Amino acid sequence: MGLKTKKLNWGRHLTVLLATAIIFAGGFYLSNTVVEKKISAITKLQQGLSIDILSLETQFSVLSQAPCKNLNESTLTKELFDISQKLESVGNTLGKDNPDFLMLKKYYSILEIKHWLLLKKAAKDCKTNIVSIIYLYSDKKNCPSCENQGYILTTLREKYPFLRVYSFDYNLALAPLDTIKSIYLLEPSLPITIVNDDAFYGLKSKEELEEILSQYINLAKLEEQKTSTSTSPTTTKAH
C-alpha cells in the first residue's frame, strides 16, 4: 500500500513538472516575441528619425542660399518641432542614458543651433520679425523648476508664431553647446533663458517672459497683424 502511494506521488510530481516546463517555455517564447517586436519598432523609429534629421539638414543648406524675399522657414521650424517629439518618444523607449538616444539627441541639438544661426542671419540681413529664445534645462533632480519653465515656453510658442524656442540639455557633452555657454558666460544656475543675446536665470512666469520679449519686439502690433491675417482664407498658420 505504501509503495503504491509513492508511485502515485511520483507520477503527480512528474505531471506538475512537465506542465510547469510547458508554461515556462510558452512564456519565454511569448516574451521573446514581444521583445523582438519592440526592438524592431525601435529600430524603425530610429531609422525614420535619422532620415528626418538628414532631410532637415539638407533643407538648412537650401534655405541658407535663399534670397530674403523668398525666405520662409516656418515649415522647417514645424519639422524641427515634429522631430523633437519623435526624439522624445525614442528617449522614453530606450532610456535617457541610452548611447543611441544620446547620439540622436546631439545631432538634433546641432540642427537646432544651425536653425538658430540661420534665423539670426535672417533677422540681420532680411529684417525679419522673429525673436529667438535659447532655453537650457536639466533633469528634475538638478533642476526641479525646469519642467514648468518648459511648459511656459511651449505656451508662449503657441501664442506667438514669430517666436522660436531652442531647448538644450545643459549637461549634454556637445562642443557647439559648450561654445554657446562660453560666449554668453553662462553660470550653471538653471533654468536659463537667453532672449536674443541676453541671459536670464531662474524660473520666469509667462507674464515675466512677455515683458522681456516686449523689450525686443512690439507684441501688441504683431498680435494685431496675426488677428487681421488669420481671417484671410489664403493665410497659412505659422508654427
Protein backbone atom coordinates (compact mmCIF):
# COMPACT_ATOMS: atom_id res chain seq x y z
CA MET A 1 0.00 0.00 0.00
CA GLY A 2 2.85 2.37 0.89
CA LEU A 3 4.70 1.56 -2.33
CA LYS A 4 1.65 2.31 -4.45
CA THR A 5 1.22 5.68 -2.76
CA LYS A 6 4.81 6.59 -3.53
CA LYS A 7 4.29 5.73 -7.19
CA LEU A 8 1.21 7.89 -7.37
CA ASN A 9 3.06 10.82 -5.78
CA TRP A 10 5.96 10.41 -8.19
CA GLY A 11 3.62 10.46 -11.18
CA ARG A 12 1.89 13.56 -9.87
CA HIS A 13 5.21 15.37 -9.40
CA LEU A 14 6.25 14.42 -12.91
CA THR A 15 3.00 15.79 -14.33
CA VAL A 16 3.38 19.06 -12.45
CA LEU A 17 7.00 19.38 -13.59
CA LEU A 18 6.03 18.78 -17.22
CA ALA A 19 3.18 21.29 -17.04
CA THR A 20 5.50 23.87 -15.46
CA ALA A 21 8.08 23.34 -18.20
CA ILE A 22 5.45 23.82 -20.90
CA ILE A 23 4.16 27.02 -19.28
CA PHE A 24 7.71 28.36 -18.84
CA ALA A 25 8.59 27.57 -22.46
CA GLY A 26 5.42 29.24 -23.69
CA GLY A 27 6.05 32.30 -21.55
CA PHE A 28 9.65 32.51 -22.73
CA TYR A 29 8.56 32.28 -26.38
CA LEU A 30 5.89 34.93 -25.89
CA SER A 31 8.30 37.22 -24.03
CA ASN A 32 10.97 36.75 -26.70
CA THR A 33 8.46 37.54 -29.45
CA VAL A 34 7.36 40.74 -27.68
CA VAL A 35 10.99 41.81 -27.18
CA GLU A 36 11.80 41.17 -30.85
CA LYS A 37 8.80 43.22 -31.97
CA LYS A 38 9.78 46.01 -29.59
CA ILE A 39 13.36 46.05 -30.89
CA SER A 40 12.06 46.08 -34.47
CA ALA A 41 9.75 49.01 -33.71
CA ILE A 42 12.59 50.93 -32.02
CA THR A 43 14.91 50.27 -34.96
CA LYS A 44 12.31 51.59 -37.42
CA LEU A 45 11.75 54.64 -35.26
CA GLN A 46 15.49 55.33 -35.10
CA GLN A 47 15.89 54.86 -38.85
CA GLY A 48 12.94 57.14 -39.57
CA LEU A 49 14.31 59.78 -37.22
CA SER A 50 17.75 59.58 -38.85
CA ILE A 51 16.19 60.14 -42.28
CA ASP A 52 14.16 63.10 -40.97
CA ILE A 53 17.30 64.64 -39.50
CA LEU A 54 19.24 64.20 -42.77
CA SER A 55 16.35 65.72 -44.73
CA LEU A 56 16.19 68.68 -42.37
CA GLU A 57 19.92 69.26 -42.61
CA THR A 58 19.66 69.39 -46.41
CA GLN A 59 16.84 71.94 -46.16
CA PHE A 60 19.07 74.13 -43.98
CA SER A 61 21.64 74.23 -46.77
CA VAL A 62 18.99 75.18 -49.34
CA LEU A 63 17.40 77.89 -47.19
CA SER A 64 20.74 79.45 -46.33
CA GLN A 65 21.08 80.31 -50.04
CA ALA A 66 17.57 81.74 -50.41
CA PRO A 67 17.11 85.49 -51.07
CA CYS A 68 15.30 87.43 -48.36
CA LYS A 69 12.08 87.79 -50.34
CA ASN A 70 11.78 84.02 -50.68
CA LEU A 71 12.96 83.06 -47.20
CA ASN A 72 10.22 81.14 -45.36
CA GLU A 73 11.45 78.85 -42.63
CA SER A 74 8.09 78.22 -40.90
CA THR A 75 7.76 74.76 -42.46
CA LEU A 76 11.31 73.99 -41.43
CA THR A 77 10.51 75.11 -37.89
CA LYS A 78 7.49 72.80 -37.75
CA GLU A 79 9.58 69.86 -38.97
CA LEU A 80 12.17 70.63 -36.32
CA PHE A 81 9.45 70.56 -33.66
CA ASP A 82 7.98 67.30 -35.03
CA ILE A 83 11.41 65.67 -34.88
CA SER A 84 11.76 66.75 -31.25
CA GLN A 85 8.54 64.86 -30.46
CA LYS A 86 9.86 61.72 -32.17
CA LEU A 87 13.14 62.11 -30.32
CA GLU A 88 11.25 62.30 -27.01
CA SER A 89 9.47 59.06 -27.92
CA VAL A 90 12.80 57.34 -28.64
CA GLY A 91 14.17 58.58 -25.31
CA ASN A 92 11.16 57.25 -23.40
CA THR A 93 11.54 53.87 -25.13
CA LEU A 94 15.31 53.41 -25.00
CA GLY A 95 16.03 55.36 -21.83
CA LYS A 96 17.51 58.85 -21.49
CA ASP A 97 21.03 57.46 -20.94
CA ASN A 98 20.97 55.08 -23.90
CA PRO A 99 24.02 55.74 -26.19
CA ASP A 100 21.93 55.59 -29.38
CA PHE A 101 19.43 58.09 -27.98
CA LEU A 102 22.20 60.43 -26.81
CA MET A 103 23.78 60.34 -30.28
CA LEU A 104 20.47 61.32 -31.91
CA LYS A 105 19.95 63.97 -29.24
CA LYS A 106 23.34 65.51 -30.02
CA TYR A 107 22.63 65.52 -33.73
CA TYR A 108 19.25 67.15 -33.16
CA SER A 109 20.85 69.78 -30.89
CA ILE A 110 23.31 70.62 -33.67
CA LEU A 111 20.37 71.10 -36.06
CA GLU A 112 18.73 73.43 -33.54
CA ILE A 113 21.90 75.51 -33.37
CA LYS A 114 22.09 75.66 -37.18
CA HIS A 115 18.47 76.79 -37.33
CA TRP A 116 19.15 79.43 -34.69
CA LEU A 117 22.14 80.74 -36.65
CA LEU A 118 20.04 80.81 -39.83
CA LEU A 119 17.40 82.95 -38.10
CA LYS A 120 19.99 85.30 -36.60
CA LYS A 121 21.36 85.87 -40.10
CA ALA A 122 17.84 86.39 -41.48
CA ALA A 123 17.00 88.85 -38.70
CA LYS A 124 20.11 90.85 -39.54
CA ASP A 125 20.08 90.67 -43.35
CA CYS A 126 16.35 90.47 -44.04
CA LYS A 127 14.92 92.47 -41.10
CA THR A 128 12.54 89.65 -40.11
CA ASN A 129 10.17 89.91 -37.15
CA ILE A 130 11.43 86.78 -35.45
CA VAL A 131 12.65 86.53 -31.87
CA SER A 132 14.62 83.54 -30.64
CA ILE A 133 14.86 82.04 -27.17
CA ILE A 134 17.56 79.58 -26.16
CA TYR A 135 16.38 77.51 -23.22
CA LEU A 136 18.83 75.45 -21.17
CA TYR A 137 17.46 72.84 -18.80
CA SER A 138 18.38 69.76 -16.82
CA ASP A 139 16.56 66.81 -15.22
CA LYS A 140 14.18 67.11 -12.25
CA LYS A 141 16.89 66.16 -9.78
CA ASN A 142 19.20 69.00 -10.79
CA CYS A 143 16.50 71.48 -11.82
CA PRO A 144 13.05 70.98 -10.21
CA SER A 145 11.59 74.05 -11.96
CA CYS A 146 12.86 73.26 -15.46
CA GLU A 147 9.79 71.24 -16.41
CA ASN A 148 7.45 74.11 -15.52
CA GLN A 149 9.62 76.53 -17.47
CA GLY A 150 9.35 74.23 -20.47
CA TYR A 151 5.54 74.26 -20.29
CA ILE A 152 5.50 78.06 -20.07
CA LEU A 153 7.76 78.39 -23.12
CA THR A 154 5.54 75.98 -25.06
CA THR A 155 2.53 78.16 -24.24
CA LEU A 156 4.36 81.27 -25.50
CA ARG A 157 5.45 79.47 -28.66
CA GLU A 158 1.82 78.60 -29.42
CA LYS A 159 0.65 82.15 -28.71
CA TYR A 160 3.34 83.95 -30.73
CA PRO A 161 4.07 82.37 -34.16
CA PHE A 162 7.14 84.60 -34.61
CA LEU A 163 8.79 83.10 -31.53
CA ARG A 164 11.41 80.39 -31.97
CA VAL A 165 12.40 78.36 -28.91
CA TYR A 166 15.50 76.14 -28.87
CA SER A 167 15.83 73.76 -25.93
CA PHE A 168 19.17 72.27 -24.89
CA ASP A 169 20.21 69.91 -22.14
CA TYR A 170 22.77 71.99 -20.22
CA ASN A 171 24.81 68.88 -19.35
CA LEU A 172 24.90 67.42 -22.86
CA ALA A 173 28.50 66.86 -23.93
CA LEU A 174 28.49 68.82 -27.19
CA ALA A 175 31.17 71.24 -28.38
CA PRO A 176 28.84 73.77 -30.12
CA LEU A 177 26.72 73.92 -26.97
CA ASP A 178 29.84 74.50 -24.87
CA THR A 179 30.69 77.36 -27.22
CA ILE A 180 27.28 78.97 -26.62
CA LYS A 181 27.75 78.65 -22.86
CA SER A 182 31.18 80.22 -23.19
CA ILE A 183 30.06 83.11 -25.42
CA TYR A 184 27.27 84.11 -23.03
CA LEU A 185 29.40 83.44 -19.93
CA LEU A 186 26.64 81.22 -18.56
CA GLU A 187 26.59 80.01 -14.97
CA PRO A 188 25.10 76.60 -14.08
CA SER A 189 22.06 78.19 -12.44
CA LEU A 190 19.10 76.58 -14.17
CA PRO A 191 16.75 77.13 -15.87
CA ILE A 192 18.34 79.66 -18.22
CA THR A 193 16.55 81.56 -20.97
CA ILE A 194 18.51 83.59 -23.50
CA VAL A 195 16.30 86.09 -25.32
CA ASN A 196 18.15 87.34 -28.39
CA ASP A 197 21.52 87.94 -26.70
CA ASP A 198 20.56 88.50 -23.05
CA ALA A 199 20.59 85.68 -20.47
CA PHE A 200 18.02 85.39 -17.67
CA TYR A 201 18.33 82.93 -14.78
CA GLY A 202 15.66 81.14 -12.80
CA LEU A 203 12.00 80.28 -13.45
CA LYS A 204 10.21 83.02 -15.37
CA SER A 205 6.43 83.26 -15.50
CA LYS A 206 4.56 83.78 -18.76
CA GLU A 207 3.99 87.42 -17.83
CA GLU A 208 7.65 87.98 -16.98
CA LEU A 209 8.76 86.49 -20.29
CA GLU A 210 6.26 88.60 -22.22
CA GLU A 211 7.63 91.68 -20.51
CA ILE A 212 11.15 90.63 -21.52
CA LEU A 213 10.05 89.95 -25.11
CA SER A 214 8.41 93.37 -25.33
CA GLN A 215 11.86 94.91 -24.96
CA TYR A 216 12.83 93.47 -28.34
CA ILE A 217 9.60 93.44 -30.32
CA ASN A 218 6.18 95.12 -30.34
CA LEU A 219 3.98 92.26 -29.15
CA ALA A 220 0.73 94.22 -29.41
CA LYS A 221 1.41 95.19 -33.03
CA LEU A 222 2.27 91.65 -34.01
CA GLU A 223 -0.84 90.34 -32.27
CA GLU A 224 -2.91 92.79 -34.38
CA GLN A 225 -1.21 91.55 -37.54
CA LYS A 226 -1.87 87.96 -36.51
CA THR A 227 -5.56 88.70 -35.92
CA SER A 228 -6.01 90.51 -39.23
CA THR A 229 -4.26 87.85 -41.32
CA SER A 230 -5.97 84.91 -39.62
CA THR A 231 -9.26 85.93 -41.31
CA SER A 232 -7.74 85.53 -44.76
CA PRO A 233 -8.52 82.13 -46.40
CA THR A 234 -5.07 82.11 -48.06
CA THR A 235 -3.15 82.52 -44.82
CA THR A 236 -1.11 79.56 -43.65
CA LYS A 237 -0.72 79.30 -39.89
CA ALA A 238 2.91 79.65 -38.82
CA HIS A 239 4.45 77.20 -36.38
